[in-house]
Amino acid sequence: MSTMRSELQAIAHRAMLERGFLPDFSAADLAESRAVSPDVGVGRGDPTIRDLRGQLWCSIDNDDSRDLDQLTVAETLPAGATKIFVAIADVDAKVKQGSALDQHAATNTTSVYTDARVFSMLPEHLSTDLTSLNQGQERLAIVVEMTVETTADGSGVVTASDVYRAIVVNRAKLAYNAVAAWLEKTAAPPAMIAAVPGLAENLLLQDRLAQALRAQRHQQGALQLETLEPRAVFDGDAVSDLRLEQKNRAKELIEDFMIAGNVSTARFLASRKLPSLRRVLRSPERWNRIVQLAATYGTHLPAQPDAQALDAFLIDRRQADPTRFPDISLSVVKLLGRGEYAVELAGQGSTSHFGLAVKNYTHSTAPNRRYPDLVTQRLLKSALAGRPAPYSGEQLAALAQHCTVQEDNAAKVERQVRKSAAAMLLSPRIGQSFDGLVTGVSDKGTWVRLLAPPVEGRVVRGYQGLDVGDRVTVKLERTDVQRGFIDFSR
């Protein structure tokens, strides 16, 4: 008998095929993954691979994450400066360029995380085991080491960095929500932190450094955006609720360290005269519409794109109307446009990321989940070994274009399944009334987001006179699970 979960899985599988993904691994892929051996003992005695197993490495990820890509640790130096270390799983050691597994990963370019099923870029035998930085397991890694100096105003600057290979061991597998509650002083430290001597103090140091790095980026105009992404909650095989993913202190810690690590990686490749795949968000072409949006709230933005001015507007709106802020954020995100991958050749000059307020930015910290990160890892290992780049400029350009397209397709698949899950949750409630907020009015229709559960649908009757921001009571008229449609009347 079909269940809600199995129906969503079928919807997800169909959406993957429609968007050009390979949702299943071939027999050759699986055979290749089973032939991979563990890392135990690998790298010992190799002078190019450092032994960092004694460090207080830990991972912080989602509660249910099993594909652990990175570990972090911090260190205080005698002169008062500090260091951050980010260890990234050496996936290239197991997935060779041109292999069957590599070709599958190059086709999909990313893991696709739907509410019903995770479509991993690599087989789980690798991504959740042999190439995952699992607790208590020796693993080969690429380490990004960064020296951070804090200024009088509390902001932090990376003043030096290095990249090298190492052997590492994850001492504690931690989860965002539990670590955040402890850092925010609303809960005791998780048992895993208390069980590792010195880890609590190290995490507090990591938190201070992350906040310092974040303060520096915000001074430079990094945008503080917040969008709503409801995820289906299952009770057995039935969708029982939708839960919003919230930012928290632990997520910000990892985000700040990964941004710093990606910038340091890009600079390292540039210093070694190797090309790289850069992650860029260009200066927004639709800036005039952002200016018009801000004007409706009485804020004047300059005629030319200005990240600091935009961030000031966003901070003001968050404080003035926190309920509607996610909808304003979503409007700004759409007007900024999507990020993309681009090739930077040696000596070409730095590219920038408008939303993060950083230059020289790549993706390198999630090679189990994103193909551009695996490509970057191969470039790094070539640089460290003094070898030529393993990809030509033309190959990198083609990869950049393909990865950008597939990332957009992955977002569409994930959104399709979220909409279908929302329709599934509401299907038994046809005819009921809900309080909501109008989030969009255009020639294509009028849209409302319910306050609870947090789903969005189209107002098909009684929408005349409604405008963005209006609070409204609507009645649920119809749902279509297969297409993810939800229709309301006023």
Protein backbone atom coordinates (compact mmCIF):
# COMPACT_ATOMS: atom_id res chain seq x y z
CA MET A 1 0.00 0.00 0.00
CA SER A 2 1.29 3.45 -0.92
CA THR A 3 2.23 5.75 1.95
CA MET A 4 2.79 9.51 2.04
CA ARG A 5 6.54 8.96 2.20
CA SER A 6 6.60 6.56 -0.73
CA GLU A 7 4.39 8.90 -2.78
CA LEU A 8 6.77 11.80 -2.11
CA GLN A 9 9.73 9.58 -2.96
CA ALA A 10 8.12 8.78 -6.31
CA ILE A 11 7.49 12.49 -6.93
CA ALA A 12 11.12 13.24 -6.07
CA HIS A 13 12.44 10.45 -8.32
CA ARG A 14 10.34 11.70 -11.25
CA ALA A 15 11.45 15.30 -10.65
CA MET A 16 15.10 14.17 -10.66
CA LEU A 17 14.69 12.47 -14.04
CA GLU A 18 12.83 15.46 -15.49
CA ARG A 19 15.68 17.77 -14.47
CA GLY A 20 18.44 15.66 -16.02
CA PHE A 21 19.72 13.92 -12.88
CA LEU A 22 20.72 10.30 -12.40
CA PRO A 23 18.67 9.39 -9.31
CA ASP A 24 20.14 5.89 -9.02
CA PHE A 25 23.67 4.49 -9.12
CA SER A 26 24.66 2.01 -11.81
CA ALA A 27 26.04 -1.45 -11.09
CA ALA A 28 29.49 -0.16 -12.12
CA ASP A 29 29.21 2.74 -9.65
CA LEU A 30 28.30 0.44 -6.77
CA ALA A 31 30.99 -2.11 -7.63
CA GLU A 32 33.60 0.64 -7.72
CA SER A 33 32.49 1.99 -4.34
CA ARG A 34 32.64 -1.47 -2.74
CA ALA A 35 36.25 -1.86 -3.91
CA VAL A 36 37.40 1.23 -1.96
CA SER A 37 39.45 0.49 1.17
CA PRO A 38 39.48 2.45 4.49
CA ASP A 39 42.12 5.05 5.39
CA VAL A 40 43.55 3.29 8.45
CA GLY A 41 47.32 3.59 8.34
CA VAL A 42 47.27 5.48 5.03
CA GLY A 43 49.58 8.49 4.96
CA ARG A 44 51.66 7.64 8.03
CA GLY A 45 55.33 8.17 7.33
CA ASP A 46 54.63 10.32 4.26
CA PRO A 47 56.49 13.61 4.90
CA THR A 48 53.93 15.53 2.80
CA ILE A 49 51.03 14.41 5.05
CA ARG A 50 51.00 15.82 8.58
CA ASP A 51 49.77 13.80 11.56
CA LEU A 52 47.08 15.92 13.26
CA ARG A 53 45.20 13.08 14.95
CA GLY A 54 45.89 14.59 18.36
CA GLN A 55 43.97 17.80 17.72
CA LEU A 56 40.53 18.39 19.28
CA TRP A 57 38.72 18.06 15.96
CA CYS A 58 34.94 17.99 16.00
CA SER A 59 32.12 18.11 13.44
CA ILE A 60 28.95 20.20 13.77
CA ASP A 61 26.16 19.41 11.33
CA ASN A 62 22.44 18.65 11.15
CA ASP A 63 21.11 16.12 13.62
CA ASP A 64 20.58 13.51 10.90
CA SER A 65 23.67 14.28 8.76
CA ARG A 66 25.89 11.31 8.03
CA ASP A 67 28.00 12.75 5.17
CA LEU A 68 30.46 14.75 7.27
CA ASP A 69 32.66 16.90 5.05
CA GLN A 70 34.56 19.07 7.51
CA LEU A 71 36.01 19.28 11.01
CA THR A 72 37.14 22.38 12.89
CA VAL A 73 39.45 23.25 15.75
CA ALA A 74 41.01 26.49 17.05
CA GLU A 75 44.29 27.33 18.77
CA THR A 76 45.60 30.30 20.77
CA LEU A 77 49.11 31.45 19.86
CA PRO A 78 51.62 32.84 22.40
CA ALA A 79 51.63 36.31 20.83
CA GLY A 80 47.87 36.70 21.28
CA ALA A 81 46.84 35.78 17.75
CA THR A 82 44.71 32.73 17.10
CA LYS A 83 44.44 30.03 14.47
CA ILE A 84 41.50 28.27 12.89
CA PHE A 85 41.95 24.86 11.28
CA VAL A 86 39.35 23.44 8.87
CA ALA A 87 39.86 19.80 7.82
CA ILE A 88 38.06 18.74 4.63
CA ALA A 89 37.49 15.10 3.75
CA ASP A 90 39.92 13.91 1.05
CA VAL A 91 37.24 12.52 -1.26
CA ASP A 92 39.60 12.54 -4.25
CA ALA A 93 41.65 9.81 -2.55
CA LYS A 94 38.69 7.46 -3.07
CA VAL A 95 36.96 8.90 -6.16
CA LYS A 96 39.47 9.11 -8.99
CA GLN A 97 39.07 11.56 -11.83
CA GLY A 98 37.43 9.87 -14.83
CA SER A 99 36.16 6.84 -12.86
CA ALA A 100 32.57 5.62 -13.04
CA LEU A 101 31.83 7.25 -9.67
CA ASP A 102 33.39 10.49 -10.86
CA GLN A 103 31.29 10.48 -14.03
CA HIS A 104 28.10 9.99 -12.01
CA ALA A 105 29.10 12.83 -9.67
CA ALA A 106 30.00 15.06 -12.63
CA THR A 107 26.54 14.48 -14.13
CA ASN A 108 24.55 15.34 -10.99
CA THR A 109 27.16 17.77 -9.53
CA THR A 110 25.42 17.88 -6.14
CA SER A 111 23.54 15.85 -3.57
CA VAL A 112 19.83 16.67 -3.71
CA TYR A 113 18.15 16.88 -0.30
CA THR A 114 14.40 16.37 -0.64
CA ASP A 115 11.99 15.90 2.27
CA ALA A 116 11.33 12.34 1.16
CA ARG A 117 14.78 11.10 0.22
CA VAL A 118 18.40 12.23 -0.10
CA PHE A 119 19.85 11.61 -3.57
CA SER A 120 23.55 11.48 -2.67
CA MET A 121 26.15 12.57 -5.20
CA LEU A 122 28.23 9.56 -4.12
CA PRO A 123 27.10 6.13 -2.89
CA GLU A 124 26.41 6.02 0.85
CA HIS A 125 29.17 3.42 1.29
CA LEU A 126 31.50 6.33 0.57
CA SER A 127 29.70 9.56 1.50
CA THR A 128 28.47 8.36 4.91
CA ASP A 129 31.36 6.01 5.67
CA LEU A 130 34.75 5.87 3.93
CA THR A 131 34.85 9.51 2.76
CA SER A 132 32.92 10.88 5.74
CA LEU A 133 34.86 12.31 8.68
CA ASN A 134 33.10 10.00 11.12
CA GLN A 135 33.75 10.11 14.83
CA GLY A 136 36.69 8.02 15.98
CA GLN A 137 37.90 7.16 12.46
CA GLU A 138 41.28 8.02 10.92
CA ARG A 139 40.77 9.99 7.73
CA LEU A 140 42.91 11.71 5.13
CA ALA A 141 42.04 15.40 4.83
CA ILE A 142 42.96 18.68 3.23
CA VAL A 143 43.56 21.20 6.02
CA VAL A 144 43.14 24.96 5.67
CA GLU A 145 45.06 26.73 8.46
CA MET A 146 44.24 30.41 9.06
CA THR A 147 45.78 32.96 11.42
CA VAL A 148 43.15 35.38 12.74
CA GLU A 149 43.87 38.70 14.41
CA THR A 150 41.10 40.57 16.21
CA THR A 151 40.89 44.35 16.28
CA ALA A 152 39.83 46.70 19.05
CA ASP A 153 36.23 46.77 17.78
CA GLY A 154 35.96 42.98 18.00
CA SER A 155 36.17 42.19 14.29
CA GLY A 156 38.53 39.53 12.98
CA VAL A 157 40.82 39.41 9.96
CA VAL A 158 42.62 36.42 8.44
CA THR A 159 46.20 37.66 8.15
CA ALA A 160 47.87 34.47 6.91
CA SER A 161 46.81 31.04 5.70
CA ASP A 162 48.19 27.75 4.45
CA VAL A 163 46.84 24.56 2.89
CA TYR A 164 48.28 21.06 3.34
CA ARG A 165 47.38 17.37 3.61
CA ALA A 166 46.96 15.65 6.98
CA ILE A 167 45.59 12.67 8.89
CA VAL A 168 42.79 13.63 11.29
CA VAL A 169 40.34 11.99 13.71
CA ASN A 170 36.93 13.41 14.59
CA ARG A 171 36.73 13.47 18.40
CA ALA A 172 33.04 14.44 18.63
CA LYS A 173 30.12 14.33 16.21
CA LEU A 174 27.95 17.28 17.29
CA ALA A 175 24.61 18.69 16.11
CA TYR A 176 23.75 22.32 15.38
CA ASN A 177 20.73 22.72 17.64
CA ALA A 178 22.29 21.22 20.77
CA VAL A 179 25.55 23.15 20.36
CA ALA A 180 23.66 26.40 19.65
CA ALA A 181 21.50 26.01 22.78
CA TRP A 182 24.68 25.59 24.85
CA LEU A 183 26.48 28.53 23.20
CA GLU A 184 23.40 30.70 23.72
CA LYS A 185 23.30 29.60 27.40
CA THR A 186 19.84 28.05 27.21
CA ALA A 187 21.00 24.47 27.81
CA ALA A 188 23.82 22.47 29.33
CA PRO A 189 26.66 21.34 27.05
CA PRO A 190 25.87 18.20 25.05
CA ALA A 191 27.22 15.03 26.65
CA MET A 192 29.67 14.53 23.79
CA ILE A 193 31.31 17.90 24.53
CA ALA A 194 31.59 17.17 28.23
CA ALA A 195 33.12 13.76 27.46
CA VAL A 196 36.15 15.22 25.60
CA PRO A 197 38.54 17.15 27.90
CA GLY A 198 39.24 20.64 26.58
CA LEU A 199 36.59 20.54 23.84
CA ALA A 200 34.20 22.95 25.57
CA GLU A 201 36.89 25.61 25.90
CA ASN A 202 37.95 25.06 22.30
CA LEU A 203 34.40 25.46 21.00
CA LEU A 204 33.98 28.70 22.97
CA LEU A 205 37.17 29.96 21.31
CA GLN A 206 35.83 28.88 17.91
CA ASP A 207 32.57 30.74 18.63
CA ARG A 208 34.43 33.96 19.52
CA LEU A 209 36.53 33.76 16.35
CA ALA A 210 33.48 33.08 14.19
CA GLN A 211 31.70 36.12 15.62
CA ALA A 212 34.80 38.24 14.96
CA LEU A 213 35.00 37.09 11.33
CA ARG A 214 31.27 37.73 10.88
CA ALA A 215 31.60 41.24 12.34
CA GLN A 216 34.34 42.02 9.82
CA ARG A 217 32.25 40.81 6.86
CA HIS A 218 29.23 42.80 8.03
CA GLN A 219 31.37 45.92 8.21
CA GLN A 220 32.21 45.28 4.55
CA GLY A 221 28.52 44.85 3.61
CA ALA A 222 27.76 41.13 3.90
CA LEU A 223 23.98 40.77 3.61
CA GLN A 224 21.91 39.50 6.54
CA LEU A 225 19.11 37.61 4.82
CA GLU A 226 16.53 35.21 6.23
CA THR A 227 14.18 33.10 4.13
CA LEU A 228 11.67 30.48 5.26
CA GLU A 229 12.36 26.88 4.24
CA PRO A 230 9.76 24.53 5.76
CA ARG A 231 10.72 20.85 5.93
CA ALA A 232 8.31 17.97 6.22
CA VAL A 233 8.14 16.17 9.57
CA PHE A 234 7.19 12.51 9.33
CA ASP A 235 5.29 10.45 11.90
CA GLY A 236 6.15 7.01 10.61
CA ASP A 237 5.41 7.29 6.88
CA ALA A 238 2.87 10.13 7.21
CA VAL A 239 3.60 13.86 6.90
CA SER A 240 2.55 15.23 10.30
CA ASP A 241 3.87 18.80 10.24
CA LEU A 242 6.17 21.30 8.56
CA ARG A 243 9.16 22.61 10.50
CA LEU A 244 11.04 25.79 9.68
CA GLU A 245 14.82 25.60 9.54
CA GLN A 246 16.13 28.38 11.79
CA LYS A 247 19.55 29.99 11.85
CA ASN A 248 21.46 29.65 15.09
CA ARG A 249 24.84 30.35 16.65
CA ALA A 250 26.34 26.94 15.75
CA LYS A 251 25.25 27.18 12.10
CA GLU A 252 26.77 30.65 11.92
CA LEU A 253 30.03 29.33 13.41
CA ILE A 254 30.40 26.74 10.67
CA GLU A 255 29.23 29.17 7.97
CA ASP A 256 31.83 31.76 8.98
CA PHE A 257 34.66 29.23 9.10
CA MET A 258 33.68 27.76 5.73
CA ILE A 259 33.59 31.21 4.11
CA ALA A 260 37.05 31.98 5.51
CA GLY A 261 38.31 28.58 4.37
CA ASN A 262 36.94 29.02 0.85
CA VAL A 263 38.54 32.45 0.53
CA SER A 264 41.90 31.10 1.76
CA THR A 265 41.66 28.19 -0.68
CA ALA A 266 41.03 30.50 -3.63
CA ARG A 267 43.99 32.67 -2.65
CA PHE A 268 46.21 29.62 -2.27
CA LEU A 269 45.43 28.44 -5.80
CA ALA A 270 46.03 31.93 -7.16
CA SER A 271 49.39 32.09 -5.37
CA ARG A 272 50.40 28.80 -7.02
CA LYS A 273 49.35 30.11 -10.47
CA LEU A 274 46.65 27.47 -10.92
CA PRO A 275 43.18 28.11 -12.34
CA SER A 276 40.15 27.71 -10.11
CA LEU A 277 36.38 27.40 -10.08
CA ARG A 278 35.09 30.52 -8.36
CA ARG A 279 31.71 31.01 -6.75
CA VAL A 280 30.44 34.46 -7.66
CA LEU A 281 27.35 36.59 -7.13
CA ARG A 282 27.82 39.46 -9.51
CA SER A 283 26.68 43.01 -8.87
CA PRO A 284 22.88 42.74 -9.22
CA GLU A 285 21.52 43.74 -12.61
CA ARG A 286 18.08 44.39 -11.11
CA TRP A 287 19.39 46.84 -8.52
CA ASN A 288 16.82 49.43 -9.66
CA ARG A 289 14.02 47.10 -8.51
CA ILE A 290 15.73 46.70 -5.13
CA VAL A 291 15.87 50.50 -4.90
CA GLN A 292 12.14 50.65 -5.67
CA LEU A 293 11.41 47.96 -3.06
CA ALA A 294 13.31 49.90 -0.39
CA ALA A 295 11.51 53.12 -1.38
CA THR A 296 8.13 51.54 -0.56
CA TYR A 297 9.38 51.37 3.05
CA GLY A 298 10.69 54.94 3.04
CA THR A 299 14.34 53.99 2.56
CA HIS A 300 16.52 55.64 -0.10
CA LEU A 301 19.21 53.42 -1.61
CA PRO A 302 21.94 54.80 -3.91
CA ALA A 303 21.53 54.46 -7.68
CA GLN A 304 24.54 52.13 -7.95
CA PRO A 305 24.72 48.74 -6.19
CA ASP A 306 25.88 49.21 -2.59
CA ALA A 307 25.99 46.15 -0.33
CA GLN A 308 26.45 48.13 2.89
CA ALA A 309 23.43 50.35 2.16
CA LEU A 310 21.33 47.30 1.30
CA ASP A 311 22.38 45.53 4.49
CA ALA A 312 21.44 48.58 6.55
CA PHE A 313 17.97 48.50 4.96
CA LEU A 314 17.61 44.79 5.75
CA ILE A 315 18.64 45.30 9.39
CA ASP A 316 16.08 48.10 9.71
CA ARG A 317 13.28 45.95 8.27
CA ARG A 318 14.13 42.99 10.50
CA GLN A 319 13.81 45.22 13.57
CA ALA A 320 10.66 46.99 12.34
CA ASP A 321 8.68 43.92 11.22
CA PRO A 322 10.25 40.53 12.03
CA THR A 323 7.13 38.63 10.86
CA ARG A 324 7.37 39.97 7.31
CA PHE A 325 11.17 40.10 7.14
CA PRO A 326 11.57 36.63 5.54
CA ASP A 327 9.29 37.72 2.69
CA ILE A 328 11.30 40.90 2.12
CA SER A 329 14.47 38.79 2.24
CA LEU A 330 13.06 36.44 -0.39
CA SER A 331 12.22 39.38 -2.66
CA VAL A 332 15.78 40.69 -2.32
CA VAL A 333 17.25 37.22 -2.96
CA LYS A 334 15.26 36.90 -6.19
CA LEU A 335 16.32 40.37 -7.34
CA LEU A 336 19.98 39.74 -6.53
CA GLY A 337 19.92 36.70 -8.80
CA ARG A 338 21.49 33.31 -8.25
CA GLY A 339 25.14 32.70 -7.59
CA GLU A 340 27.08 30.94 -10.31
CA TYR A 341 30.36 29.19 -10.95
CA ALA A 342 33.01 30.87 -13.07
CA VAL A 343 36.56 30.03 -14.09
CA GLU A 344 39.43 32.19 -12.96
CA LEU A 345 42.67 31.60 -14.81
CA ALA A 346 46.09 32.30 -13.33
CA GLY A 347 46.85 36.01 -13.20
CA GLN A 348 43.37 36.99 -14.31
CA GLY A 349 42.47 39.07 -11.23
CA SER A 350 40.03 38.48 -8.40
CA THR A 351 36.29 38.01 -8.67
CA SER A 352 33.84 38.95 -5.92
CA HIS A 353 30.71 37.69 -4.19
CA PHE A 354 28.28 40.59 -3.67
CA GLY A 355 26.16 38.91 -0.99
CA LEU A 356 29.09 37.72 1.16
CA ALA A 357 31.19 40.87 0.69
CA VAL A 358 34.32 38.83 -0.08
CA LYS A 359 36.71 38.50 -3.01
CA ASN A 360 38.52 35.36 -4.17
CA TYR A 361 35.79 32.90 -3.20
CA THR A 362 35.54 29.26 -4.23
CA HIS A 363 33.66 26.17 -3.04
CA SER A 364 35.98 23.66 -1.39
CA THR A 365 34.53 22.52 1.94
CA ALA A 366 31.88 19.95 0.90
CA PRO A 367 33.43 17.45 -1.58
CA ASN A 368 31.04 14.65 -0.55
CA ARG A 369 28.06 16.80 -1.50
CA ARG A 370 29.20 19.16 -4.30
CA TYR A 371 31.23 18.37 -7.39
CA PRO A 372 32.88 21.82 -7.68
CA ASP A 373 34.43 21.16 -4.25
CA LEU A 374 35.85 17.85 -5.49
CA VAL A 375 37.29 19.62 -8.56
CA THR A 376 38.84 22.26 -6.27
CA GLN A 377 40.33 19.50 -4.13
CA ARG A 378 42.07 18.01 -7.16
CA LEU A 379 43.43 21.42 -8.08
CA LEU A 380 44.74 21.87 -4.54
CA LYS A 381 46.48 18.49 -4.50
CA SER A 382 48.12 19.29 -7.84
CA ALA A 383 49.31 22.61 -6.45
CA LEU A 384 50.73 20.92 -3.34
CA ALA A 385 52.52 18.28 -5.44
CA GLY A 386 53.84 20.83 -7.95
CA ARG A 387 51.93 19.21 -10.81
CA PRO A 388 50.06 20.97 -13.64
CA ALA A 389 46.34 21.52 -13.21
CA PRO A 390 44.34 18.29 -13.84
CA TYR A 391 41.80 20.26 -15.90
CA SER A 392 42.23 22.59 -18.86
CA GLY A 393 40.65 26.03 -18.92
CA GLU A 394 38.08 24.77 -21.42
CA GLN A 395 37.17 21.81 -19.19
CA LEU A 396 36.76 24.08 -16.17
CA ALA A 397 34.58 26.49 -18.16
CA ALA A 398 32.29 23.64 -19.22
CA LEU A 399 32.15 22.33 -15.63
CA ALA A 400 31.33 25.80 -14.29
CA GLN A 401 28.40 26.15 -16.65
CA HIS A 402 27.10 22.63 -16.02
CA CYS A 403 27.42 22.91 -12.22
CA THR A 404 25.52 26.21 -12.25
CA VAL A 405 22.67 24.67 -14.26
CA GLN A 406 22.48 21.56 -12.08
CA GLU A 407 22.52 23.55 -8.87
CA ASP A 408 19.51 25.48 -10.13
CA ASN A 409 17.83 22.20 -11.12
CA ALA A 410 18.51 20.72 -7.68
CA ALA A 411 16.82 23.70 -6.03
CA LYS A 412 13.79 23.16 -8.28
CA VAL A 413 13.58 19.48 -7.38
CA GLU A 414 13.81 20.26 -3.66
CA ARG A 415 11.18 23.00 -3.99
CA GLN A 416 8.84 20.69 -5.93
CA VAL A 417 8.95 18.07 -3.17
CA ARG A 418 8.48 20.71 -0.44
CA LYS A 419 5.37 21.99 -2.23
CA SER A 420 4.02 18.47 -2.67
CA ALA A 421 4.62 17.72 1.03
CA ALA A 422 2.77 20.92 1.97
CA ALA A 423 -0.16 19.98 -0.29
CA MET A 424 -0.17 16.51 1.25
CA LEU A 425 -0.28 17.94 4.79
CA LEU A 426 -3.21 20.25 3.95
CA SER A 427 -5.23 17.82 1.83
CA PRO A 428 -7.42 16.60 4.74
CA ARG A 429 -8.24 20.22 5.68
CA ILE A 430 -10.18 21.34 2.58
CA GLY A 431 -12.76 23.96 3.60
CA GLN A 432 -10.90 25.12 6.74
CA SER A 433 -9.85 28.74 7.28
CA PHE A 434 -6.35 29.99 8.02
CA ASP A 435 -4.69 33.30 8.87
CA GLY A 436 -1.99 34.37 6.45
CA LEU A 437 0.10 37.12 4.93
CA VAL A 438 0.04 38.22 1.30
CA THR A 439 3.52 37.60 -0.10
CA GLY A 440 3.12 38.29 -3.82
CA VAL A 441 0.84 40.19 -6.20
CA SER A 442 1.48 40.16 -9.96
CA ASP A 443 -0.12 39.37 -13.30
CA LYS A 444 0.61 35.72 -12.58
CA GLY A 445 -1.48 35.68 -9.42
CA THR A 446 -1.78 36.59 -5.76
CA TRP A 447 0.06 34.50 -3.18
CA VAL A 448 -0.44 34.08 0.55
CA ARG A 449 1.73 32.44 3.21
CA LEU A 450 -0.11 30.86 6.11
CA LEU A 451 1.15 31.69 9.58
CA ALA A 452 0.63 28.06 10.63
CA PRO A 453 1.47 25.73 9.06
CA PRO A 454 4.08 27.82 7.13
CA VAL A 455 2.97 27.02 3.58
CA GLU A 456 2.32 29.23 0.58
CA GLY A 457 -0.49 28.98 -1.93
CA ARG A 458 -2.37 30.94 -4.54
CA VAL A 459 -5.51 32.98 -3.87
CA VAL A 460 -7.83 31.98 -6.73
CA ARG A 461 -10.96 33.87 -5.58
CA GLY A 462 -11.43 37.15 -3.74
CA TYR A 463 -7.92 38.45 -4.37
CA GLN A 464 -9.09 41.83 -5.66
CA GLY A 465 -7.65 44.69 -3.62
CA LEU A 466 -5.05 42.60 -1.83
CA ASP A 467 -1.46 43.84 -1.68
CA VAL A 468 1.83 42.51 -0.41
CA GLY A 469 1.97 42.64 3.37
CA ASP A 470 -1.79 42.47 3.96
CA ARG A 471 -2.96 40.11 6.66
CA VAL A 472 -5.84 38.01 5.42
CA THR A 473 -8.03 35.04 6.36
CA VAL A 474 -8.35 32.47 3.59
CA LYS A 475 -10.21 29.21 3.06
CA LEU A 476 -8.48 26.17 1.61
CA GLU A 477 -10.22 25.24 -1.64
CA ARG A 478 -8.06 22.63 -3.36
CA THR A 479 -4.76 20.80 -3.26
CA ASP A 480 -2.85 18.89 -5.95
CA VAL A 481 -0.12 16.76 -4.38
CA GLN A 482 1.48 15.66 -7.65
CA ARG A 483 1.97 19.23 -8.86
CA GLY A 484 2.35 20.81 -5.41
CA PHE A 485 -0.57 23.23 -5.92
CA ILE A 486 -2.48 24.80 -3.00
CA ASP A 487 -5.45 27.07 -3.79
CA PHE A 488 -7.20 29.45 -1.39
CA SER A 489 -10.18 31.79 -1.51
CA ARG A 490 -10.45 34.95 0.50
